[in-house]
N, C-alpha and C. Protein backbone atom coordinates (compact mmCIF):
# COMPACT_ATOMS: atom_id res chain seq x y z
N GLN A 1 11.61 4.22 15.94
CA GLN A 1 11.03 3.45 14.83
C GLN A 1 10.27 4.39 13.91
N ALA A 2 10.48 4.19 12.60
CA ALA A 2 9.81 5.04 11.63
C ALA A 2 8.31 4.87 11.74
N GLN A 3 7.60 5.98 11.59
CA GLN A 3 6.15 5.94 11.68
C GLN A 3 5.55 6.19 10.31
N LEU A 4 4.58 5.39 9.95
CA LEU A 4 3.87 5.54 8.69
C LEU A 4 2.41 5.83 8.99
N ILE A 5 1.86 6.78 8.26
CA ILE A 5 0.49 7.19 8.52
C ILE A 5 -0.29 7.15 7.22
N GLU A 6 -1.33 6.30 7.19
CA GLU A 6 -2.16 6.17 6.01
C GLU A 6 -3.37 7.09 6.12
N SER A 7 -3.89 7.46 4.96
CA SER A 7 -5.12 8.24 4.90
C SER A 7 -5.79 8.01 3.56
N GLY A 8 -7.04 8.43 3.46
CA GLY A 8 -7.74 8.38 2.18
C GLY A 8 -8.79 7.29 2.07
N GLY A 9 -8.90 6.44 3.08
CA GLY A 9 -9.91 5.40 3.02
C GLY A 9 -11.31 5.99 3.16
N GLY A 10 -12.30 5.13 2.93
CA GLY A 10 -13.67 5.59 3.07
C GLY A 10 -14.65 4.57 2.54
N LEU A 11 -15.90 5.00 2.48
CA LEU A 11 -16.99 4.17 1.97
C LEU A 11 -17.33 4.63 0.56
N VAL A 12 -17.25 3.71 -0.39
CA VAL A 12 -17.54 4.04 -1.77
C VAL A 12 -18.43 2.95 -2.37
N GLN A 13 -18.94 3.22 -3.54
CA GLN A 13 -19.76 2.24 -4.25
C GLN A 13 -18.89 1.48 -5.26
N ALA A 14 -19.35 0.31 -5.60
CA ALA A 14 -18.65 -0.50 -6.60
C ALA A 14 -18.49 0.31 -7.88
N GLY A 15 -17.28 0.24 -8.43
CA GLY A 15 -16.98 1.00 -9.64
C GLY A 15 -16.32 2.35 -9.37
N ASP A 16 -16.37 2.80 -8.14
CA ASP A 16 -15.77 4.08 -7.78
C ASP A 16 -14.26 3.97 -7.63
N SER A 17 -13.64 5.10 -7.36
CA SER A 17 -12.19 5.17 -7.17
C SER A 17 -11.86 5.81 -5.82
N LEU A 18 -10.70 5.47 -5.31
CA LEU A 18 -10.16 6.08 -4.09
C LEU A 18 -8.66 6.21 -4.26
N ARG A 19 -8.10 7.19 -3.57
CA ARG A 19 -6.65 7.35 -3.56
C ARG A 19 -6.17 7.35 -2.12
N LEU A 20 -5.35 6.37 -1.79
CA LEU A 20 -4.77 6.29 -0.47
C LEU A 20 -3.40 6.96 -0.46
N SER A 21 -3.06 7.52 0.69
CA SER A 21 -1.75 8.14 0.86
C SER A 21 -1.08 7.56 2.10
N CYS A 22 0.23 7.57 2.07
CA CYS A 22 1.02 7.10 3.22
C CYS A 22 2.21 8.03 3.36
N VAL A 23 2.31 8.64 4.52
CA VAL A 23 3.39 9.59 4.80
C VAL A 23 4.30 9.00 5.86
N GLY A 24 5.60 9.16 5.66
CA GLY A 24 6.57 8.72 6.65
C GLY A 24 6.99 9.89 7.52
N SER A 25 7.08 9.65 8.80
CA SER A 25 7.40 10.74 9.72
C SER A 25 8.88 10.82 10.07
N GLU A 26 9.63 9.79 9.73
CA GLU A 26 11.03 9.78 10.10
C GLU A 26 11.88 9.32 8.93
N GLY A 27 12.66 10.20 8.39
CA GLY A 27 13.65 9.81 7.40
C GLY A 27 13.05 9.60 6.03
N SER A 28 13.95 9.51 5.06
CA SER A 28 13.54 9.34 3.68
C SER A 28 13.16 7.88 3.40
N PHE A 29 12.39 7.72 2.33
CA PHE A 29 12.05 6.38 1.87
C PHE A 29 13.16 5.79 1.02
N ALA A 30 14.21 6.52 0.77
CA ALA A 30 15.28 6.06 -0.09
C ALA A 30 15.83 4.73 0.41
N GLY A 31 16.09 3.82 -0.54
CA GLY A 31 16.66 2.53 -0.19
C GLY A 31 15.65 1.53 0.32
N ASN A 32 14.36 1.83 0.14
CA ASN A 32 13.32 0.96 0.66
C ASN A 32 12.33 0.52 -0.40
N TYR A 33 11.70 -0.60 -0.13
CA TYR A 33 10.44 -0.91 -0.79
C TYR A 33 9.36 -0.25 0.06
N MET A 34 8.43 0.39 -0.60
CA MET A 34 7.23 0.87 0.07
C MET A 34 6.07 0.03 -0.47
N GLY A 35 5.38 -0.61 0.43
CA GLY A 35 4.35 -1.54 0.01
C GLY A 35 2.98 -1.20 0.58
N TRP A 36 1.97 -1.69 -0.09
CA TRP A 36 0.59 -1.64 0.39
C TRP A 36 0.10 -3.08 0.55
N PHE A 37 -0.48 -3.34 1.67
CA PHE A 37 -1.11 -4.63 1.95
C PHE A 37 -2.54 -4.36 2.39
N ARG A 38 -3.35 -5.40 2.38
CA ARG A 38 -4.71 -5.25 2.88
C ARG A 38 -5.13 -6.50 3.62
N GLN A 39 -6.07 -6.29 4.52
CA GLN A 39 -6.57 -7.40 5.30
C GLN A 39 -8.07 -7.27 5.47
N ALA A 40 -8.78 -8.26 4.95
CA ALA A 40 -10.23 -8.31 5.11
C ALA A 40 -10.56 -9.15 6.35
N PRO A 41 -11.73 -8.97 6.92
CA PRO A 41 -12.10 -9.73 8.12
C PRO A 41 -11.98 -11.24 7.90
N GLY A 42 -11.29 -11.90 8.80
CA GLY A 42 -11.14 -13.34 8.72
C GLY A 42 -10.16 -13.84 7.69
N LYS A 43 -9.43 -12.92 7.08
CA LYS A 43 -8.48 -13.33 6.04
C LYS A 43 -7.06 -12.91 6.40
N GLU A 44 -6.11 -13.52 5.71
CA GLU A 44 -4.72 -13.16 5.90
C GLU A 44 -4.45 -11.79 5.27
N ARG A 45 -3.44 -11.14 5.81
CA ARG A 45 -3.01 -9.89 5.19
C ARG A 45 -2.35 -10.23 3.85
N GLU A 46 -2.79 -9.56 2.79
CA GLU A 46 -2.29 -9.90 1.47
C GLU A 46 -1.59 -8.72 0.80
N PHE A 47 -0.65 -9.08 -0.05
CA PHE A 47 0.12 -8.09 -0.80
C PHE A 47 -0.77 -7.44 -1.84
N VAL A 48 -0.68 -6.12 -1.94
CA VAL A 48 -1.43 -5.36 -2.94
C VAL A 48 -0.49 -4.77 -3.98
N ALA A 49 0.49 -4.00 -3.51
CA ALA A 49 1.40 -3.34 -4.45
C ALA A 49 2.64 -2.89 -3.69
N ALA A 50 3.72 -2.70 -4.46
CA ALA A 50 4.95 -2.19 -3.87
C ALA A 50 5.73 -1.42 -4.92
N VAL A 51 6.55 -0.50 -4.44
CA VAL A 51 7.42 0.26 -5.32
C VAL A 51 8.81 0.31 -4.69
N SER A 52 9.81 0.14 -5.55
CA SER A 52 11.18 0.32 -5.10
C SER A 52 11.52 1.79 -5.17
N TRP A 53 11.84 2.37 -4.02
CA TRP A 53 12.17 3.80 -4.03
C TRP A 53 13.51 4.04 -4.70
N THR A 54 14.29 2.97 -4.90
CA THR A 54 15.60 3.10 -5.54
C THR A 54 15.48 3.06 -7.06
N SER A 55 14.78 2.05 -7.58
CA SER A 55 14.71 1.86 -9.02
C SER A 55 13.43 2.42 -9.64
N GLY A 56 12.40 2.60 -8.81
CA GLY A 56 11.11 3.03 -9.34
C GLY A 56 10.25 1.89 -9.87
N LEU A 57 10.77 0.67 -9.83
CA LEU A 57 9.98 -0.45 -10.31
C LEU A 57 8.77 -0.67 -9.41
N ARG A 58 7.67 -1.08 -10.05
CA ARG A 58 6.42 -1.27 -9.33
C ARG A 58 5.94 -2.70 -9.49
N TYR A 59 5.28 -3.19 -8.47
CA TYR A 59 4.82 -4.58 -8.44
C TYR A 59 3.39 -4.61 -7.92
N TYR A 60 2.60 -5.55 -8.44
CA TYR A 60 1.19 -5.62 -8.07
C TYR A 60 0.75 -7.04 -7.79
N GLY A 61 -0.19 -7.16 -6.86
CA GLY A 61 -0.84 -8.43 -6.66
C GLY A 61 -1.78 -8.73 -7.82
N ASP A 62 -2.03 -10.00 -8.08
CA ASP A 62 -2.83 -10.39 -9.24
C ASP A 62 -4.23 -9.82 -9.19
N SER A 63 -4.80 -9.71 -8.00
CA SER A 63 -6.19 -9.27 -7.88
C SER A 63 -6.38 -7.78 -8.17
N VAL A 64 -5.31 -7.02 -8.22
CA VAL A 64 -5.46 -5.57 -8.43
C VAL A 64 -4.78 -5.07 -9.70
N LYS A 65 -4.10 -5.96 -10.41
CA LYS A 65 -3.41 -5.54 -11.64
C LYS A 65 -4.40 -4.93 -12.62
N GLY A 66 -4.01 -3.81 -13.19
CA GLY A 66 -4.86 -3.13 -14.15
C GLY A 66 -5.87 -2.19 -13.53
N ARG A 67 -6.05 -2.26 -12.20
CA ARG A 67 -7.01 -1.38 -11.53
C ARG A 67 -6.33 -0.43 -10.54
N PHE A 68 -5.29 -0.89 -9.90
CA PHE A 68 -4.58 -0.09 -8.89
C PHE A 68 -3.25 0.37 -9.43
N THR A 69 -2.82 1.54 -8.99
CA THR A 69 -1.52 2.08 -9.36
C THR A 69 -0.83 2.63 -8.13
N ILE A 70 0.40 2.19 -7.92
CA ILE A 70 1.20 2.71 -6.81
C ILE A 70 2.16 3.76 -7.37
N SER A 71 2.33 4.83 -6.62
CA SER A 71 3.23 5.89 -7.05
C SER A 71 3.78 6.57 -5.81
N GLY A 72 4.74 7.46 -6.04
CA GLY A 72 5.33 8.12 -4.89
C GLY A 72 5.79 9.52 -5.19
N ASP A 73 5.94 10.28 -4.14
CA ASP A 73 6.47 11.64 -4.22
C ASP A 73 7.77 11.65 -3.43
N ASN A 74 8.89 11.67 -4.14
CA ASN A 74 10.18 11.60 -3.46
C ASN A 74 10.41 12.77 -2.50
N ALA A 75 10.02 13.93 -2.95
CA ALA A 75 10.28 15.13 -2.15
C ALA A 75 9.51 15.12 -0.83
N LYS A 76 8.36 14.49 -0.84
CA LYS A 76 7.50 14.50 0.36
C LYS A 76 7.50 13.17 1.09
N ASP A 77 8.27 12.21 0.60
CA ASP A 77 8.27 10.87 1.20
C ASP A 77 6.84 10.40 1.44
N THR A 78 6.11 10.37 0.35
CA THR A 78 4.72 9.95 0.39
C THR A 78 4.50 8.92 -0.70
N VAL A 79 3.82 7.87 -0.37
CA VAL A 79 3.46 6.86 -1.36
C VAL A 79 1.95 6.82 -1.48
N PHE A 80 1.49 6.66 -2.71
CA PHE A 80 0.05 6.68 -3.00
C PHE A 80 -0.39 5.34 -3.57
N LEU A 81 -1.66 5.08 -3.39
CA LEU A 81 -2.28 3.92 -4.04
C LEU A 81 -3.57 4.41 -4.67
N GLN A 82 -3.56 4.53 -5.98
CA GLN A 82 -4.76 4.91 -6.72
C GLN A 82 -5.53 3.64 -7.03
N MET A 83 -6.77 3.60 -6.58
CA MET A 83 -7.59 2.41 -6.74
C MET A 83 -8.80 2.75 -7.59
N ASN A 84 -8.89 2.13 -8.74
CA ASN A 84 -9.99 2.37 -9.66
C ASN A 84 -10.86 1.13 -9.80
N ASN A 85 -12.08 1.36 -10.23
CA ASN A 85 -13.01 0.27 -10.48
C ASN A 85 -13.08 -0.68 -9.28
N LEU A 86 -13.31 -0.12 -8.12
CA LEU A 86 -13.35 -0.90 -6.90
C LEU A 86 -14.52 -1.87 -6.90
N ASN A 87 -14.30 -3.02 -6.31
CA ASN A 87 -15.37 -4.01 -6.18
C ASN A 87 -15.48 -4.46 -4.72
N LEU A 88 -16.50 -5.27 -4.45
CA LEU A 88 -16.78 -5.67 -3.07
C LEU A 88 -15.59 -6.38 -2.43
N GLU A 89 -14.83 -7.12 -3.24
CA GLU A 89 -13.69 -7.88 -2.72
C GLU A 89 -12.52 -6.98 -2.31
N ASP A 90 -12.59 -5.73 -2.64
CA ASP A 90 -11.53 -4.79 -2.24
C ASP A 90 -11.75 -4.24 -0.83
N THR A 91 -12.88 -4.55 -0.24
CA THR A 91 -13.16 -4.09 1.11
C THR A 91 -12.16 -4.71 2.09
N ALA A 92 -11.44 -3.85 2.81
CA ALA A 92 -10.40 -4.31 3.73
C ALA A 92 -9.79 -3.11 4.43
N ILE A 93 -8.97 -3.40 5.41
CA ILE A 93 -8.10 -2.37 5.97
C ILE A 93 -6.82 -2.39 5.15
N TYR A 94 -6.41 -1.23 4.70
CA TYR A 94 -5.22 -1.11 3.87
C TYR A 94 -4.07 -0.54 4.70
N TYR A 95 -2.94 -1.22 4.61
CA TYR A 95 -1.76 -0.87 5.40
C TYR A 95 -0.61 -0.48 4.49
N CYS A 96 0.11 0.51 4.92
CA CYS A 96 1.35 0.92 4.27
C CYS A 96 2.50 0.30 5.06
N ALA A 97 3.56 -0.09 4.36
CA ALA A 97 4.68 -0.73 5.04
C ALA A 97 5.99 -0.39 4.34
N ARG A 98 7.06 -0.57 5.10
CA ARG A 98 8.38 -0.15 4.63
C ARG A 98 9.37 -1.29 4.87
N GLN A 99 10.15 -1.58 3.84
CA GLN A 99 11.15 -2.65 3.92
C GLN A 99 12.45 -2.15 3.30
N ARG A 100 13.52 -2.27 4.07
CA ARG A 100 14.82 -1.86 3.57
C ARG A 100 15.27 -2.84 2.49
N ILE A 101 15.71 -2.31 1.35
CA ILE A 101 16.17 -3.16 0.25
C ILE A 101 17.57 -3.67 0.57
N ARG A 102 17.70 -4.98 0.63
CA ARG A 102 18.96 -5.62 0.97
C ARG A 102 18.94 -7.02 0.39
N ILE A 103 20.01 -7.76 0.51
CA ILE A 103 20.04 -9.14 0.03
C ILE A 103 18.95 -9.94 0.75
N GLY A 104 18.15 -10.62 -0.02
CA GLY A 104 17.06 -11.40 0.55
C GLY A 104 15.76 -10.66 0.69
N ALA A 105 15.74 -9.39 0.33
CA ALA A 105 14.50 -8.62 0.43
C ALA A 105 13.45 -9.20 -0.52
N ASP A 106 12.24 -9.10 -0.12
CA ASP A 106 11.13 -9.64 -0.91
C ASP A 106 9.95 -8.72 -0.74
N TYR A 107 9.61 -8.00 -1.78
CA TYR A 107 8.56 -6.99 -1.68
C TYR A 107 7.18 -7.60 -1.44
N GLU A 108 7.02 -8.89 -1.73
CA GLU A 108 5.71 -9.51 -1.65
C GLU A 108 5.41 -10.13 -0.29
N ARG A 109 6.43 -10.32 0.51
CA ARG A 109 6.26 -11.02 1.79
C ARG A 109 6.10 -10.03 2.93
N LYS A 110 4.97 -10.10 3.59
CA LYS A 110 4.70 -9.14 4.66
C LYS A 110 5.69 -9.29 5.81
N GLU A 111 6.23 -10.50 6.00
CA GLU A 111 7.16 -10.74 7.11
C GLU A 111 8.46 -9.95 6.95
N MET A 112 8.75 -9.52 5.75
CA MET A 112 10.00 -8.83 5.48
C MET A 112 9.92 -7.33 5.74
N TYR A 113 8.75 -6.82 5.98
CA TYR A 113 8.58 -5.38 6.18
C TYR A 113 8.82 -5.03 7.65
N GLU A 114 9.57 -3.96 7.85
CA GLU A 114 10.01 -3.61 9.21
C GLU A 114 9.08 -2.62 9.89
N SER A 115 8.41 -1.79 9.11
CA SER A 115 7.55 -0.76 9.70
C SER A 115 6.19 -0.81 9.05
N TRP A 116 5.16 -0.57 9.85
CA TRP A 116 3.78 -0.60 9.37
C TRP A 116 3.01 0.59 9.90
N GLY A 117 2.06 1.04 9.09
CA GLY A 117 1.10 2.02 9.58
C GLY A 117 -0.03 1.31 10.29
N ARG A 118 -0.96 2.10 10.78
CA ARG A 118 -2.11 1.53 11.52
C ARG A 118 -3.25 1.15 10.60
N GLY A 119 -3.18 1.57 9.37
CA GLY A 119 -4.18 1.16 8.40
C GLY A 119 -5.29 2.17 8.20
N THR A 120 -5.94 2.08 7.05
CA THR A 120 -7.10 2.90 6.73
C THR A 120 -8.16 1.99 6.11
N GLN A 121 -9.39 2.17 6.55
CA GLN A 121 -10.47 1.27 6.13
C GLN A 121 -11.02 1.70 4.77
N VAL A 122 -11.15 0.72 3.90
CA VAL A 122 -11.81 0.91 2.61
C VAL A 122 -13.00 -0.04 2.56
N THR A 123 -14.17 0.53 2.36
CA THR A 123 -15.38 -0.27 2.28
C THR A 123 -16.08 0.02 0.97
N VAL A 124 -16.34 -1.05 0.22
CA VAL A 124 -17.00 -0.92 -1.07
C VAL A 124 -18.38 -1.56 -0.97
N SER A 125 -19.40 -0.80 -1.34
CA SER A 125 -20.76 -1.30 -1.27
C SER A 125 -21.38 -1.32 -2.67
N LEU A 126 -22.49 -2.03 -2.79
CA LEU A 126 -23.17 -2.09 -4.08
C LEU A 126 -23.86 -0.78 -4.40
């Protein structure tokens, strides 16, 4: 099973920025959606952003549009999440995930992703 490893989380103040990274240990990201999800205590895991490694199209959850940017490095099979203007509601564990693009694929649904990282904690304080 492909392994995904997130990094870059930490404790920051409201208004600060962080950049998360996710590296795949097995095989290329080609033909996949690479997504970021987050889960705050007591809440459902929610969609944050995704990128199609095939087309380059990017998708964002409503709560992060205009503040977060997903990008990738094809040569290194690494996906990034640049998070700007962080607020208290962004506090969560952030997970990287991988979904093979096929008929019925849905970048927004966590159930469709086949591989997940262990997550990296992002904490935003006042």
